[in-house]
Amino acid sequence: MQVAVAYAEPTQQVWLRIEVPEDATVEQAIIKSGLLRQFPDLDLTERAVGIFGKLVKLDAELKAGDRIEIYRPITADPATVPRRQMEDEDDDD
């Protein structure tokens, strides 16, 4: 069956379609995708993963057409971003 694996670094995004066995797990698909070789610092024990935006465990079974997403840690508090944007706009006046 075909699934997709998506991962993004600040300067590079990867979205791959791969074939996996019918009983494949999220972890098996990520390994098969080659992303762990392409990004040697990518540690699945430290990253959250999801399917179509919903968090799942590495042993979650896949369905045809699933999109696996490997998430990066949050680097900015989302609650402060609108405040910063408003402050920047006020500085323009």
C-alpha atoms as a PDB file:
ATOM      1  CA  MET A   1       0.000   0.000   0.000  1.00  0.00           C
ATOM      2  CA  GLN A   2       1.123   3.554  -0.568  1.00  0.00           C
ATOM      3  CA  VAL A   3       1.636   6.094   2.229  1.00  0.00           C
ATOM      4  CA  ALA A   4       3.418   9.443   2.482  1.00  0.00           C
ATOM      5  CA  VAL A   5       6.038  10.603   4.966  1.00  0.00           C
ATOM      6  CA  ALA A   6       6.583  14.318   5.607  1.00  0.00           C
ATOM      7  CA  TYR A   7       9.335  16.059   7.548  1.00  0.00           C
ATOM      8  CA  ALA A   8      10.585  19.637   7.538  1.00  0.00           C
ATOM      9  CA  GLU A   9      13.755  21.271   8.781  1.00  0.00           C
ATOM     10  CA  PRO A  10      13.927  25.089   8.856  1.00  0.00           C
ATOM     11  CA  THR A  11      15.669  25.100   5.462  1.00  0.00           C
ATOM     12  CA  GLN A  12      14.423  21.889   3.839  1.00  0.00           C
ATOM     13  CA  GLN A  13      11.128  20.036   3.485  1.00  0.00           C
ATOM     14  CA  VAL A  14      10.745  16.408   2.444  1.00  0.00           C
ATOM     15  CA  TRP A  15       7.528  14.721   1.336  1.00  0.00           C
ATOM     16  CA  LEU A  16       7.857  11.185   0.050  1.00  0.00           C
ATOM     17  CA  ARG A  17       5.410   8.578  -1.223  1.00  0.00           C
ATOM     18  CA  ILE A  18       6.501   5.047  -0.418  1.00  0.00           C
ATOM     19  CA  GLU A  19       5.175   1.511  -0.670  1.00  0.00           C
ATOM     20  CA  VAL A  20       4.858  -0.420   2.588  1.00  0.00           C
ATOM     21  CA  PRO A  21       3.355  -3.809   3.511  1.00  0.00           C
ATOM     22  CA  GLU A  22      -0.314  -3.890   4.538  1.00  0.00           C
ATOM     23  CA  ASP A  23       0.599  -4.403   8.223  1.00  0.00           C
ATOM     24  CA  ALA A  24       3.259  -1.663   8.365  1.00  0.00           C
ATOM     25  CA  THR A  25       3.596   0.646  11.354  1.00  0.00           C
ATOM     26  CA  VAL A  26       4.466   4.329  11.442  1.00  0.00           C
ATOM     27  CA  GLU A  27       8.018   3.549  12.570  1.00  0.00           C
ATOM     28  CA  GLN A  28       8.557   0.972   9.835  1.00  0.00           C
ATOM     29  CA  ALA A  29       7.403   3.437   7.177  1.00  0.00           C
ATOM     30  CA  ILE A  30       9.699   6.181   8.503  1.00  0.00           C
ATOM     31  CA  ILE A  31      12.647   3.778   8.455  1.00  0.00           C
ATOM     32  CA  LYS A  32      11.806   2.635   4.928  1.00  0.00           C
ATOM     33  CA  SER A  33      11.515   6.250   3.745  1.00  0.00           C
ATOM     34  CA  GLY A  34      15.234   6.828   4.350  1.00  0.00           C
ATOM     35  CA  LEU A  35      14.655  10.014   6.338  1.00  0.00           C
ATOM     36  CA  LEU A  36      16.695   8.720   9.273  1.00  0.00           C
ATOM     37  CA  ARG A  37      19.698   8.369   6.957  1.00  0.00           C
ATOM     38  CA  GLN A  38      19.053  11.723   5.300  1.00  0.00           C
ATOM     39  CA  PHE A  39      18.715  13.494   8.673  1.00  0.00           C
ATOM     40  CA  PRO A  40      21.078  11.672  11.084  1.00  0.00           C
ATOM     41  CA  ASP A  41      20.130  13.972  13.992  1.00  0.00           C
ATOM     42  CA  LEU A  42      16.468  12.984  13.684  1.00  0.00           C
ATOM     43  CA  ASP A  43      15.700  10.912  16.805  1.00  0.00           C
ATOM     44  CA  LEU A  44      12.233   9.357  16.816  1.00  0.00           C
ATOM     45  CA  THR A  45      12.404   8.848  20.596  1.00  0.00           C
ATOM     46  CA  GLU A  46      12.472  12.632  20.981  1.00  0.00           C
ATOM     47  CA  ARG A  47       9.990  13.633  18.271  1.00  0.00           C
ATOM     48  CA  ALA A  48       6.242  13.496  18.109  1.00  0.00           C
ATOM     49  CA  VAL A  49       4.698  11.864  15.056  1.00  0.00           C
ATOM     50  CA  GLY A  50       1.225  12.032  13.620  1.00  0.00           C
ATOM     51  CA  ILE A  51      -1.054  10.962  10.811  1.00  0.00           C
ATOM     52  CA  PHE A  52      -2.921  13.832   9.148  1.00  0.00           C
ATOM     53  CA  GLY A  53      -2.278  16.100  12.149  1.00  0.00           C
ATOM     54  CA  LYS A  54      -3.327  13.644  14.882  1.00  0.00           C
ATOM     55  CA  LEU A  55      -0.627  12.422  17.243  1.00  0.00           C
ATOM     56  CA  VAL A  56       0.038   8.687  17.094  1.00  0.00           C
ATOM     57  CA  LYS A  57       2.564   6.266  18.553  1.00  0.00           C
ATOM     58  CA  LEU A  58       5.331   4.757  16.467  1.00  0.00           C
ATOM     59  CA  ASP A  59       3.636   1.353  16.603  1.00  0.00           C
ATOM     60  CA  ALA A  60       0.368   2.658  15.106  1.00  0.00           C
ATOM     61  CA  GLU A  61      -0.737   0.648  12.071  1.00  0.00           C
ATOM     62  CA  LEU A  62      -1.126   2.448   8.782  1.00  0.00           C
ATOM     63  CA  LYS A  63      -3.918   2.583   6.233  1.00  0.00           C
ATOM     64  CA  ALA A  64      -3.477   3.163   2.528  1.00  0.00           C
ATOM     65  CA  GLY A  65      -3.085   6.855   1.767  1.00  0.00           C
ATOM     66  CA  ASP A  66      -1.998   7.890   5.281  1.00  0.00           C
ATOM     67  CA  ARG A  67       0.378  10.852   5.578  1.00  0.00           C
ATOM     68  CA  ILE A  68       2.892  10.393   8.380  1.00  0.00           C
ATOM     69  CA  GLU A  69       4.210  13.649   9.808  1.00  0.00           C
ATOM     70  CA  ILE A  70       7.323  13.983  11.957  1.00  0.00           C
ATOM     71  CA  TYR A  71       7.074  17.098  14.109  1.00  0.00           C
ATOM     72  CA  ARG A  72       9.849  19.456  15.189  1.00  0.00           C
ATOM     73  CA  PRO A  73       9.925  20.948  18.671  1.00  0.00           C
ATOM     74  CA  ILE A  74       8.154  24.295  19.016  1.00  0.00           C
ATOM     75  CA  THR A  75      10.714  27.115  19.045  1.00  0.00           C
ATOM     76  CA  ALA A  76       8.326  29.980  19.834  1.00  0.00           C
ATOM     77  CA  ASP A  77       5.316  30.165  22.102  1.00  0.00           C
ATOM     78  CA  PRO A  78       2.342  30.446  19.699  1.00  0.00           C
ATOM     79  CA  ALA A  79       0.560  32.704  22.186  1.00  0.00           C
ATOM     80  CA  THR A  80       3.309  35.343  21.921  1.00  0.00           C
ATOM     81  CA  VAL A  81       3.567  35.442  18.128  1.00  0.00           C
ATOM     82  CA  PRO A  82       0.453  37.627  17.596  1.00  0.00           C
ATOM     83  CA  ARG A  83       1.702  39.961  20.338  1.00  0.00           C
ATOM     84  CA  ARG A  84       5.075  40.326  18.607  1.00  0.00           C
ATOM     85  CA  GLN A  85       3.397  41.008  15.274  1.00  0.00           C
ATOM     86  CA  MET A  86       1.195  43.708  16.858  1.00  0.00           C
ATOM     87  CA  GLU A  87       4.243  45.296  18.531  1.00  0.00           C
ATOM     88  CA  ASP A  88       6.100  45.323  15.205  1.00  0.00           C
ATOM     89  CA  GLU A  89       3.137  47.038  13.530  1.00  0.00           C
ATOM     90  CA  ASP A  90       3.007  49.673  16.307  1.00  0.00           C
ATOM     91  CA  ASP A  91       6.706  50.412  15.758  1.00  0.00           C
ATOM     92  CA  ASP A  92       5.973  51.279  12.104  1.00  0.00           C
ATOM     93  CA  ASP A  93       3.783  54.249  13.089  1.00  0.00           C
END
